[in-house]
PDB file of N, CA and C in Angstrom:
ATOM      1  N   ARG A   1     -11.100 -32.046  -3.616  1.00  0.00           N
ATOM      2  CA  ARG A   1     -10.525 -30.997  -2.818  1.00  0.00           C
ATOM      3  C   ARG A   1      -9.284 -30.388  -3.446  1.00  0.00           C
ATOM      4  N   PHE A   2      -8.508 -31.188  -4.161  1.00  0.00           N
ATOM      5  CA  PHE A   2      -7.283 -30.665  -4.743  1.00  0.00           C
ATOM      6  C   PHE A   2      -7.560 -29.469  -5.642  1.00  0.00           C
ATOM      7  N   LEU A   3      -8.654 -29.501  -6.366  1.00  0.00           N
ATOM      8  CA  LEU A   3      -8.968 -28.416  -7.300  1.00  0.00           C
ATOM      9  C   LEU A   3      -9.732 -27.261  -6.662  1.00  0.00           C
ATOM     10  N   ARG A   4      -9.809 -27.236  -5.358  1.00  0.00           N
ATOM     11  CA  ARG A   4     -10.524 -26.167  -4.663  1.00  0.00           C
ATOM     12  C   ARG A   4      -9.969 -24.789  -5.018  1.00  0.00           C
ATOM     13  N   PHE A   5      -8.682 -24.705  -5.316  1.00  0.00           N
ATOM     14  CA  PHE A   5      -8.077 -23.418  -5.668  1.00  0.00           C
ATOM     15  C   PHE A   5      -8.779 -22.788  -6.869  1.00  0.00           C
ATOM     16  N   GLN A   6      -9.370 -23.598  -7.745  1.00  0.00           N
ATOM     17  CA  GLN A   6     -10.096 -23.042  -8.883  1.00  0.00           C
ATOM     18  C   GLN A   6     -11.336 -22.290  -8.419  1.00  0.00           C
ATOM     19  N   GLN A   7     -12.004 -22.815  -7.395  1.00  0.00           N
ATOM     20  CA  GLN A   7     -13.162 -22.112  -6.832  1.00  0.00           C
ATOM     21  C   GLN A   7     -12.731 -20.788  -6.212  1.00  0.00           C
ATOM     22  N   TYR A   8     -11.615 -20.808  -5.492  1.00  0.00           N
ATOM     23  CA  TYR A   8     -11.109 -19.569  -4.896  1.00  0.00           C
ATOM     24  C   TYR A   8     -10.751 -18.558  -5.975  1.00  0.00           C
ATOM     25  N   ASN A   9     -10.143 -19.028  -7.049  1.00  0.00           N
ATOM     26  CA  ASN A   9      -9.794 -18.113  -8.137  1.00  0.00           C
ATOM     27  C   ASN A   9     -11.042 -17.502  -8.761  1.00  0.00           C
ATOM     28  N   ASN A  10     -12.099 -18.290  -8.900  1.00  0.00           N
ATOM     29  CA  ASN A  10     -13.355 -17.755  -9.458  1.00  0.00           C
ATOM     30  C   ASN A  10     -13.923 -16.658  -8.563  1.00  0.00           C
ATOM     31  N   ILE A  11     -13.860 -16.859  -7.256  1.00  0.00           N
ATOM     32  CA  ILE A  11     -14.342 -15.837  -6.319  1.00  0.00           C
ATOM     33  C   ILE A  11     -13.481 -14.588  -6.421  1.00  0.00           C
ATOM     34  N   ILE A  12     -12.172 -14.766  -6.439  1.00  0.00           N
ATOM     35  CA  ILE A  12     -11.245 -13.634  -6.502  1.00  0.00           C
ATOM     36  C   ILE A  12     -11.429 -12.851  -7.792  1.00  0.00           C
ATOM     37  N   THR A  13     -11.494 -13.543  -8.927  1.00  0.00           N
ATOM     38  CA  THR A  13     -11.658 -12.827 -10.191  1.00  0.00           C
ATOM     39  C   THR A  13     -13.024 -12.153 -10.272  1.00  0.00           C
ATOM     40  N   GLY A  14     -14.023 -12.742  -9.633  1.00  0.00           N
ATOM     41  CA  GLY A  14     -15.332 -12.101  -9.585  1.00  0.00           C
ATOM     42  C   GLY A  14     -15.311 -10.809  -8.793  1.00  0.00           C
ATOM     43  N   GLU A  15     -14.520 -10.772  -7.747  1.00  0.00           N
ATOM     44  CA  GLU A  15     -14.439  -9.578  -6.894  1.00  0.00           C
ATOM     45  C   GLU A  15     -13.418  -8.559  -7.396  1.00  0.00           C
ATOM     46  N   LEU A  16     -12.256  -9.035  -7.852  1.00  0.00           N
ATOM     47  CA  LEU A  16     -11.167  -8.132  -8.243  1.00  0.00           C
ATOM     48  C   LEU A  16     -11.053  -7.925  -9.750  1.00  0.00           C
ATOM     49  N   GLY A  17     -11.665  -8.847 -10.501  1.00  0.00           N
ATOM     50  CA  GLY A  17     -11.548  -8.751 -11.941  1.00  0.00           C
ATOM     51  C   GLY A  17     -10.273  -9.367 -12.494  1.00  0.00           C
ATOM     52  N   ARG A  18      -9.500 -10.016 -11.649  1.00  0.00           N
ATOM     53  CA  ARG A  18      -8.257 -10.664 -12.078  1.00  0.00           C
ATOM     54  C   ARG A  18      -7.860 -11.721 -11.052  1.00  0.00           C
ATOM     55  N   SER A  19      -6.954 -12.584 -11.458  1.00  0.00           N
ATOM     56  CA  SER A  19      -6.417 -13.590 -10.546  1.00  0.00           C
ATOM     57  C   SER A  19      -5.318 -12.978  -9.689  1.00  0.00           C
ATOM     58  N   ILE A  20      -5.071 -13.588  -8.563  1.00  0.00           N
ATOM     59  CA  ILE A  20      -3.900 -13.267  -7.752  1.00  0.00           C
ATOM     60  C   ILE A  20      -3.160 -14.582  -7.494  1.00  0.00           C
ATOM     61  N   PRO A  21      -1.874 -14.523  -7.150  1.00  0.00           N
ATOM     62  CA  PRO A  21      -1.135 -15.765  -6.901  1.00  0.00           C
ATOM     63  C   PRO A  21      -1.774 -16.586  -5.788  1.00  0.00           C
ATOM     64  N   ILE A  22      -1.843 -17.884  -6.022  1.00  0.00           N
ATOM     65  CA  ILE A  22      -2.346 -18.813  -5.022  1.00  0.00           C
ATOM     66  C   ILE A  22      -1.231 -19.794  -4.693  1.00  0.00           C
ATOM     67  N   ILE A  23      -0.971 -19.943  -3.417  1.00  0.00           N
ATOM     68  CA  ILE A  23       0.044 -20.878  -2.945  1.00  0.00           C
ATOM     69  C   ILE A  23      -0.674 -21.971  -2.173  1.00  0.00           C
ATOM     70  N   GLY A  24      -0.616 -23.189  -2.678  1.00  0.00           N
ATOM     71  CA  GLY A  24      -1.289 -24.314  -2.026  1.00  0.00           C
ATOM     72  C   GLY A  24      -0.386 -24.935  -0.980  1.00  0.00           C
ATOM     73  N   THR A  25      -0.860 -25.002   0.229  1.00  0.00           N
ATOM     74  CA  THR A  25      -0.085 -25.610   1.304  1.00  0.00           C
ATOM     75  C   THR A  25      -0.891 -26.704   1.975  1.00  0.00           C
ATOM     76  N   GLU A  26      -0.211 -27.570   2.654  1.00  0.00           N
ATOM     77  CA  GLU A  26      -0.822 -28.625   3.442  1.00  0.00           C
ATOM     78  C   GLU A  26      -1.824 -29.451   2.658  1.00  0.00           C
ATOM     79  N   GLY A  27      -1.415 -29.925   1.504  1.00  0.00           N
ATOM     80  CA  GLY A  27      -2.261 -30.804   0.728  1.00  0.00           C
ATOM     81  C   GLY A  27      -1.894 -32.248   0.993  1.00  0.00           C
ATOM     82  N   GLY A  28      -2.786 -33.128   0.674  1.00  0.00           N
ATOM     83  CA  GLY A  28      -2.448 -34.535   0.790  1.00  0.00           C
ATOM     84  C   GLY A  28      -3.582 -35.375   1.325  1.00  0.00           C
ATOM     85  N   THR A  29      -3.267 -36.623   1.483  1.00  0.00           N
ATOM     86  CA  THR A  29      -4.199 -37.567   2.077  1.00  0.00           C
ATOM     87  C   THR A  29      -3.373 -38.626   2.788  1.00  0.00           C
ATOM     88  N   HIS A  30      -3.994 -39.389   3.619  1.00  0.00           N
ATOM     89  CA  HIS A  30      -3.263 -40.435   4.331  1.00  0.00           C
ATOM     90  C   HIS A  30      -4.004 -41.762   4.205  1.00  0.00           C
ATOM     91  N   VAL A  31      -3.260 -42.811   4.424  1.00  0.00           N
ATOM     92  CA  VAL A  31      -3.840 -44.151   4.388  1.00  0.00           C
ATOM     93  C   VAL A  31      -4.828 -44.278   5.540  1.00  0.00           C
ATOM     94  N   SER A  32      -5.995 -44.796   5.232  1.00  0.00           N
ATOM     95  CA  SER A  32      -7.059 -44.924   6.227  1.00  0.00           C
ATOM     96  C   SER A  32      -7.951 -46.081   5.799  1.00  0.00           C
ATOM     97  N   PRO A  33      -8.998 -46.345   6.539  1.00  0.00           N
ATOM     98  CA  PRO A  33      -9.929 -47.384   6.086  1.00  0.00           C
ATOM     99  C   PRO A  33     -10.571 -47.054   4.736  1.00  0.00           C
ATOM    100  N   TRP A  34     -10.536 -45.770   4.332  1.00  0.00           N
ATOM    101  CA  TRP A  34     -11.162 -45.342   3.085  1.00  0.00           C
ATOM    102  C   TRP A  34     -10.162 -45.122   1.954  1.00  0.00           C
ATOM    103  N   VAL A  35      -8.875 -45.061   2.280  1.00  0.00           N
ATOM    104  CA  VAL A  35      -7.834 -44.806   1.280  1.00  0.00           C
ATOM    105  C   VAL A  35      -6.735 -45.851   1.443  1.00  0.00           C
ATOM    106  N   THR A  36      -6.534 -46.645   0.405  1.00  0.00           N
ATOM    107  CA  THR A  36      -5.475 -47.656   0.441  1.00  0.00           C
ATOM    108  C   THR A  36      -4.127 -46.992   0.142  1.00  0.00           C
ATOM    109  N   PRO A  37      -3.020 -47.662   0.464  1.00  0.00           N
ATOM    110  CA  PRO A  37      -1.712 -47.100   0.106  1.00  0.00           C
ATOM    111  C   PRO A  37      -1.590 -46.832  -1.405  1.00  0.00           C
ATOM    112  N   GLU A  38      -2.133 -47.700  -2.220  1.00  0.00           N
ATOM    113  CA  GLU A  38      -2.072 -47.506  -3.669  1.00  0.00           C
ATOM    114  C   GLU A  38      -2.874 -46.280  -4.097  1.00  0.00           C
ATOM    115  N   GLN A  39      -4.052 -46.089  -3.504  1.00  0.00           N
ATOM    116  CA  GLN A  39      -4.862 -44.912  -3.822  1.00  0.00           C
ATOM    117  C   GLN A  39      -4.144 -43.638  -3.380  1.00  0.00           C
ATOM    118  N   GLN A  40      -3.525 -43.676  -2.217  1.00  0.00           N
ATOM    119  CA  GLN A  40      -2.793 -42.508  -1.731  1.00  0.00           C
ATOM    120  C   GLN A  40      -1.685 -42.137  -2.716  1.00  0.00           C
ATOM    121  N   ILE A  41      -0.926 -43.133  -3.155  1.00  0.00           N
ATOM    122  CA  ILE A  41       0.156 -42.869  -4.106  1.00  0.00           C
ATOM    123  C   ILE A  41      -0.406 -42.308  -5.405  1.00  0.00           C
ATOM    124  N   ASN A  42      -1.477 -42.890  -5.915  1.00  0.00           N
ATOM    125  CA  ASN A  42      -2.089 -42.398  -7.161  1.00  0.00           C
ATOM    126  C   ASN A  42      -2.610 -40.975  -7.013  1.00  0.00           C
ATOM    127  N   MET A  43      -3.245 -40.685  -5.894  1.00  0.00           N
ATOM    128  CA  MET A  43      -3.787 -39.345  -5.672  1.00  0.00           C
ATOM    129  C   MET A  43      -2.669 -38.310  -5.578  1.00  0.00           C
ATOM    130  N   MET A  44      -1.629 -38.627  -4.830  1.00  0.00           N
ATOM    131  CA  MET A  44      -0.560 -37.651  -4.616  1.00  0.00           C
ATOM    132  C   MET A  44       0.323 -37.477  -5.856  1.00  0.00           C
ATOM    133  N   THR A  45       0.674 -38.556  -6.520  1.00  0.00           N
ATOM    134  CA  THR A  45       1.465 -38.394  -7.740  1.00  0.00           C
ATOM    135  C   THR A  45       0.631 -37.703  -8.816  1.00  0.00           C
ATOM    136  N   GLY A  46      -0.661 -37.964  -8.841  1.00  0.00           N
ATOM    137  CA  GLY A  46      -1.549 -37.272  -9.773  1.00  0.00           C
ATOM    138  C   GLY A  46      -1.579 -35.773  -9.526  1.00  0.00           C
ATOM    139  N   ALA A  47      -1.594 -35.381  -8.264  1.00  0.00           N
ATOM    140  CA  ALA A  47      -1.592 -33.957  -7.930  1.00  0.00           C
ATOM    141  C   ALA A  47      -0.305 -33.287  -8.417  1.00  0.00           C
ATOM    142  N   TYR A  48       0.812 -33.948  -8.213  1.00  0.00           N
ATOM    143  CA  TYR A  48       2.077 -33.364  -8.663  1.00  0.00           C
ATOM    144  C   TYR A  48       2.190 -33.365 -10.185  1.00  0.00           C
ATOM    145  N   LYS A  49       1.658 -34.355 -10.852  1.00  0.00           N
ATOM    146  CA  LYS A  49       1.635 -34.344 -12.322  1.00  0.00           C
ATOM    147  C   LYS A  49       0.770 -33.185 -12.825  1.00  0.00           C
ATOM    148  N   TYR A  50      -0.335 -32.953 -12.149  1.00  0.00           N
ATOM    149  CA  TYR A  50      -1.203 -31.830 -12.514  1.00  0.00           C
ATOM    150  C   TYR A  50      -0.436 -30.519 -12.428  1.00  0.00           C
ATOM    151  N   MET A  51       0.387 -30.377 -11.408  1.00  0.00           N
ATOM    152  CA  MET A  51       1.127 -29.132 -11.213  1.00  0.00           C
ATOM    153  C   MET A  51       2.107 -28.851 -12.356  1.00  0.00           C
ATOM    154  N   ALA A  52       2.495 -29.850 -13.095  1.00  0.00           N
ATOM    155  CA  ALA A  52       3.391 -29.635 -14.233  1.00  0.00           C
ATOM    156  C   ALA A  52       2.693 -28.835 -15.336  1.00  0.00           C
ATOM    157  N   ARG A  53       1.361 -28.835 -15.339  1.00  0.00           N
ATOM    158  CA  ARG A  53       0.599 -28.083 -16.340  1.00  0.00           C
ATOM    159  C   ARG A  53      -0.405 -27.148 -15.661  1.00  0.00           C
ATOM    160  N   ARG A  54      -0.084 -26.721 -14.503  1.00  0.00           N
ATOM    161  CA  ARG A  54      -0.955 -25.916 -13.645  1.00  0.00           C
ATOM    162  C   ARG A  54      -1.371 -24.583 -14.267  1.00  0.00           C
ATOM    163  N   GLU A  55      -2.362 -23.961 -13.663  1.00  0.00           N
ATOM    164  CA  GLU A  55      -2.794 -22.636 -14.057  1.00  0.00           C
ATOM    165  C   GLU A  55      -1.684 -21.643 -13.681  1.00  0.00           C
ATOM    166  N   PRO A  56      -1.527 -20.559 -14.420  1.00  0.00           N
ATOM    167  CA  PRO A  56      -0.413 -19.642 -14.154  1.00  0.00           C
ATOM    168  C   PRO A  56      -0.485 -18.949 -12.786  1.00  0.00           C
ATOM    169  N   TYR A  57      -1.653 -18.855 -12.193  1.00  0.00           N
ATOM    170  CA  TYR A  57      -1.777 -18.214 -10.884  1.00  0.00           C
ATOM    171  C   TYR A  57      -1.513 -19.175  -9.729  1.00  0.00           C
ATOM    172  N   ASN A  58      -1.420 -20.459 -10.009  1.00  0.00           N
ATOM    173  CA  ASN A  58      -1.260 -21.490  -8.973  1.00  0.00           C
ATOM    174  C   ASN A  58       0.226 -21.828  -8.848  1.00  0.00           C
ATOM    175  N   PHE A  59       0.866 -21.360  -7.797  1.00  0.00           N
ATOM    176  CA  PHE A  59       2.315 -21.400  -7.713  1.00  0.00           C
ATOM    177  C   PHE A  59       2.935 -22.644  -7.100  1.00  0.00           C
ATOM    178  N   VAL A  60       2.292 -23.272  -6.148  1.00  0.00           N
ATOM    179  CA  VAL A  60       2.965 -24.366  -5.463  1.00  0.00           C
ATOM    180  C   VAL A  60       1.937 -25.303  -4.834  1.00  0.00           C
ATOM    181  N   TYR A  61       2.341 -26.538  -4.691  1.00  0.00           N
ATOM    182  CA  TYR A  61       1.545 -27.533  -3.988  1.00  0.00           C
ATOM    183  C   TYR A  61       2.517 -28.338  -3.140  1.00  0.00           C
ATOM    184  N   THR A  62       2.187 -28.577  -1.918  1.00  0.00           N
ATOM    185  CA  THR A  62       3.108 -29.283  -1.038  1.00  0.00           C
ATOM    186  C   THR A  62       2.370 -30.279  -0.158  1.00  0.00           C
ATOM    187  N   TYR A  63       2.984 -31.412   0.047  1.00  0.00           N
ATOM    188  CA  TYR A  63       2.417 -32.407   0.954  1.00  0.00           C
ATOM    189  C   TYR A  63       2.500 -31.865   2.372  1.00  0.00           C
ATOM    190  N   TRP A  64       1.559 -32.195   3.225  1.00  0.00           N
ATOM    191  CA  TRP A  64       1.442 -31.516   4.498  1.00  0.00           C
ATOM    192  C   TRP A  64       2.441 -31.906   5.574  1.00  0.00           C
ATOM    193  N   ILE A  65       2.932 -33.110   5.610  1.00  0.00           N
ATOM    194  CA  ILE A  65       3.838 -33.482   6.701  1.00  0.00           C
ATOM    195  C   ILE A  65       5.006 -34.283   6.147  1.00  0.00           C
ATOM    196  N   ILE A  66       6.202 -33.709   6.250  1.00  0.00           N
ATOM    197  CA  ILE A  66       7.386 -34.443   5.801  1.00  0.00           C
ATOM    198  C   ILE A  66       7.755 -35.490   6.840  1.00  0.00           C
ATOM    199  N   ALA A  67       7.854 -35.061   8.069  1.00  0.00           N
ATOM    200  CA  ALA A  67       8.217 -35.983   9.149  1.00  0.00           C
ATOM    201  C   ALA A  67       7.462 -35.559  10.401  1.00  0.00           C
ATOM    202  N   ASN A  68       7.356 -36.446  11.345  1.00  0.00           N
ATOM    203  CA  ASN A  68       6.627 -36.167  12.569  1.00  0.00           C
ATOM    204  C   ASN A  68       7.556 -36.361  13.757  1.00  0.00           C
ATOM    205  N   GLY A  69       7.499 -35.426  14.676  1.00  0.00           N
ATOM    206  CA  GLY A  69       8.301 -35.555  15.889  1.00  0.00           C
ATOM    207  C   GLY A  69       7.633 -36.498  16.868  1.00  0.00           C
ATOM    208  N   ASN A  70       7.048 -35.941  17.874  1.00  0.00           N
ATOM    209  CA  ASN A  70       6.447 -36.750  18.928  1.00  0.00           C
ATOM    210  C   ASN A  70       4.933 -36.616  19.013  1.00  0.00           C
ATOM    211  N   ASP A  71       4.299 -36.105  17.979  1.00  0.00           N
ATOM    212  CA  ASP A  71       2.853 -35.896  18.031  1.00  0.00           C
ATOM    213  C   ASP A  71       2.133 -37.092  17.399  1.00  0.00           C
ATOM    214  N   PRO A  72       1.535 -37.950  18.204  1.00  0.00           N
ATOM    215  CA  PRO A  72       0.870 -39.134  17.655  1.00  0.00           C
ATOM    216  C   PRO A  72      -0.316 -38.808  16.747  1.00  0.00           C
ATOM    217  N   ALA A  73      -0.859 -37.612  16.865  1.00  0.00           N
ATOM    218  CA  ALA A  73      -1.995 -37.239  16.026  1.00  0.00           C
ATOM    219  C   ALA A  73      -1.630 -37.194  14.543  1.00  0.00           C
ATOM    220  N   TRP A  74      -0.363 -36.963  14.247  1.00  0.00           N
ATOM    221  CA  TRP A  74       0.067 -36.826  12.859  1.00  0.00           C
ATOM    222  C   TRP A  74       0.999 -37.944  12.403  1.00  0.00           C
ATOM    223  N   ALA A  75       1.306 -38.865  13.243  1.00  0.00           N
ATOM    224  CA  ALA A  75       2.299 -39.901  12.936  1.00  0.00           C
ATOM    225  C   ALA A  75       1.970 -40.689  11.674  1.00  0.00           C
ATOM    226  N   GLU A  76       0.715 -41.029  11.472  1.00  0.00           N
ATOM    227  CA  GLU A  76       0.336 -41.845  10.320  1.00  0.00           C
ATOM    228  C   GLU A  76       0.380 -41.074   9.008  1.00  0.00           C
ATOM    229  N   GLN A  77       0.482 -39.759   9.062  1.00  0.00           N
ATOM    230  CA  GLN A  77       0.421 -38.961   7.850  1.00  0.00           C
ATOM    231  C   GLN A  77       1.785 -38.485   7.369  1.00  0.00           C
ATOM    232  N   ALA A  78       2.830 -38.749   8.103  1.00  0.00           N
ATOM    233  CA  ALA A  78       4.170 -38.295   7.740  1.00  0.00           C
ATOM    234  C   ALA A  78       4.742 -39.117   6.588  1.00  0.00           C
ATOM    235  N   LEU A  79       5.560 -38.469   5.762  1.00  0.00           N
ATOM    236  CA  LEU A  79       6.228 -39.159   4.658  1.00  0.00           C
ATOM    237  C   LEU A  79       7.373 -40.041   5.142  1.00  0.00           C
ATOM    238  N   PHE A  80       7.944 -39.687   6.286  1.00  0.00           N
ATOM    239  CA  PHE A  80       9.034 -40.461   6.873  1.00  0.00           C
ATOM    240  C   PHE A  80       8.633 -40.852   8.285  1.00  0.00           C
ATOM    241  N   LYS A  81       8.777 -42.128   8.582  1.00  0.00           N
ATOM    242  CA  LYS A  81       8.386 -42.651   9.891  1.00  0.00           C
ATOM    243  C   LYS A  81       9.546 -43.453  10.456  1.00  0.00           C
ATOM    244  N   ASP A  82       9.932 -43.126  11.655  1.00  0.00           N
ATOM    245  CA  ASP A  82      11.024 -43.846  12.320  1.00  0.00           C
ATOM    246  C   ASP A  82      12.277 -43.901  11.449  1.00  0.00           C
ATOM    247  N   GLY A  83      12.542 -42.824  10.730  1.00  0.00           N
ATOM    248  CA  GLY A  83      13.731 -42.740   9.896  1.00  0.00           C
ATOM    249  C   GLY A  83      13.624 -43.433   8.552  1.00  0.00           C
ATOM    250  N   SER A  84      12.462 -43.987   8.227  1.00  0.00           N
ATOM    251  CA  SER A  84      12.292 -44.710   6.960  1.00  0.00           C
ATOM    252  C   SER A  84      11.297 -43.987   6.059  1.00  0.00           C
ATOM    253  N   ALA A  85      11.564 -44.022   4.769  1.00  0.00           N
ATOM    254  CA  ALA A  85      10.655 -43.436   3.794  1.00  0.00           C
ATOM    255  C   ALA A  85       9.443 -44.347   3.602  1.00  0.00           C
ATOM    256  N   THR A  86       8.266 -43.758   3.608  1.00  0.00           N
ATOM    257  CA  THR A  86       7.036 -44.504   3.351  1.00  0.00           C
ATOM    258  C   THR A  86       6.950 -44.840   1.855  1.00  0.00           C
ATOM    259  N   PRO A  87       6.058 -45.746   1.467  1.00  0.00           N
ATOM    260  CA  PRO A  87       5.872 -46.010   0.035  1.00  0.00           C
ATOM    261  C   PRO A  87       5.536 -44.740  -0.757  1.00  0.00           C
ATOM    262  N   LEU A  88       4.765 -43.833  -0.149  1.00  0.00           N
ATOM    263  CA  LEU A  88       4.454 -42.579  -0.837  1.00  0.00           C
ATOM    264  C   LEU A  88       5.718 -41.755  -1.034  1.00  0.00           C
ATOM    265  N   ALA A  89       6.541 -41.630  -0.018  1.00  0.00           N
ATOM    266  CA  ALA A  89       7.793 -40.873  -0.150  1.00  0.00           C
ATOM    267  C   ALA A  89       8.661 -41.482  -1.238  1.00  0.00           C
ATOM    268  N   GLN A  90       8.725 -42.794  -1.293  1.00  0.00           N
ATOM    269  CA  GLN A  90       9.515 -43.465  -2.325  1.00  0.00           C
ATOM    270  C   GLN A  90       8.945 -43.185  -3.711  1.00  0.00           C
ATOM    271  N   ALA A  91       7.631 -43.199  -3.850  1.00  0.00           N
ATOM    272  CA  ALA A  91       6.998 -42.923  -5.146  1.00  0.00           C
ATOM    273  C   ALA A  91       7.256 -41.484  -5.582  1.00  0.00           C
ATOM    274  N   LEU A  92       7.197 -40.542  -4.640  1.00  0.00           N
ATOM    275  CA  LEU A  92       7.450 -39.145  -4.981  1.00  0.00           C
ATOM    276  C   LEU A  92       8.911 -38.936  -5.374  1.00  0.00           C
ATOM    277  N   LEU A  93       9.809 -39.602  -4.687  1.00  0.00           N
ATOM    278  CA  LEU A  93      11.230 -39.515  -5.042  1.00  0.00           C
ATOM    279  C   LEU A  93      11.474 -40.083  -6.438  1.00  0.00           C
ATOM    280  N   GLN A  94      10.866 -41.219  -6.708  1.00  0.00           N
ATOM    281  CA  GLN A  94      10.999 -41.815  -8.030  1.00  0.00           C
ATOM    282  C   GLN A  94      10.437 -40.902  -9.104  1.00  0.00           C
ATOM    283  N   MET A  95       9.321 -40.264  -8.817  1.00  0.00           N
ATOM    284  CA  MET A  95       8.709 -39.344  -9.768  1.00  0.00           C
ATOM    285  C   MET A  95       9.632 -38.139 -10.024  1.00  0.00           C
ATOM    286  N   ALA A  96      10.259 -37.648  -8.974  1.00  0.00           N
ATOM    287  CA  ALA A  96      11.126 -36.477  -9.090  1.00  0.00           C
ATOM    288  C   ALA A  96      12.436 -36.785  -9.804  1.00  0.00           C
ATOM    289  N   THR A  97      12.971 -37.951  -9.578  1.00  0.00           N
ATOM    290  CA  THR A  97      14.300 -38.280 -10.119  1.00  0.00           C
ATOM    291  C   THR A  97      14.247 -39.137 -11.365  1.00  0.00           C
ATOM    292  N   GLY A  98      13.125 -39.816 -11.571  1.00  0.00           N
ATOM    293  CA  GLY A  98      13.027 -40.749 -12.692  1.00  0.00           C
ATOM    294  C   GLY A  98      13.771 -42.053 -12.439  1.00  0.00           C
ATOM    295  N   GLU A  99      14.277 -42.212 -11.223  1.00  0.00           N
ATOM    296  CA  GLU A  99      15.014 -43.429 -10.873  1.00  0.00           C
ATOM    297  C   GLU A  99      14.137 -44.317 -10.016  1.00  0.00           C
ATOM    298  N   SER A 100      14.377 -45.591 -10.067  1.00  0.00           N
ATOM    299  CA  SER A 100      13.649 -46.507  -9.185  1.00  0.00           C
ATOM    300  C   SER A 100      14.302 -46.472  -7.813  1.00  0.00           C
ATOM    301  N   VAL A 101      13.465 -46.608  -6.798  1.00  0.00           N
ATOM    302  CA  VAL A 101      13.965 -46.611  -5.410  1.00  0.00           C
ATOM    303  C   VAL A 101      13.625 -47.902  -4.728  1.00  0.00           C
TER     304      VAL A 101
END
């Protein structure tokens, strides 16, 4: 799914003859019976590493939920829970700063 923007670009260039800027929003995955915390970290850090060498029309990629207020439907997917950084948030911070957290 992360590379879906390439399919959109193919459709756009087929219709317009050129690329247009693509802004990726609400990307990510959450820990579930099918995704372990380690897989989540690998998938998300991999996506951000990819963006360092991204296509010129692909402008941004962002994780979908930084923090969650009172909506239980999204609580498990937030990077910060009850005021604490999740392992994914810590991994992303380490990736951004190069420092261990």
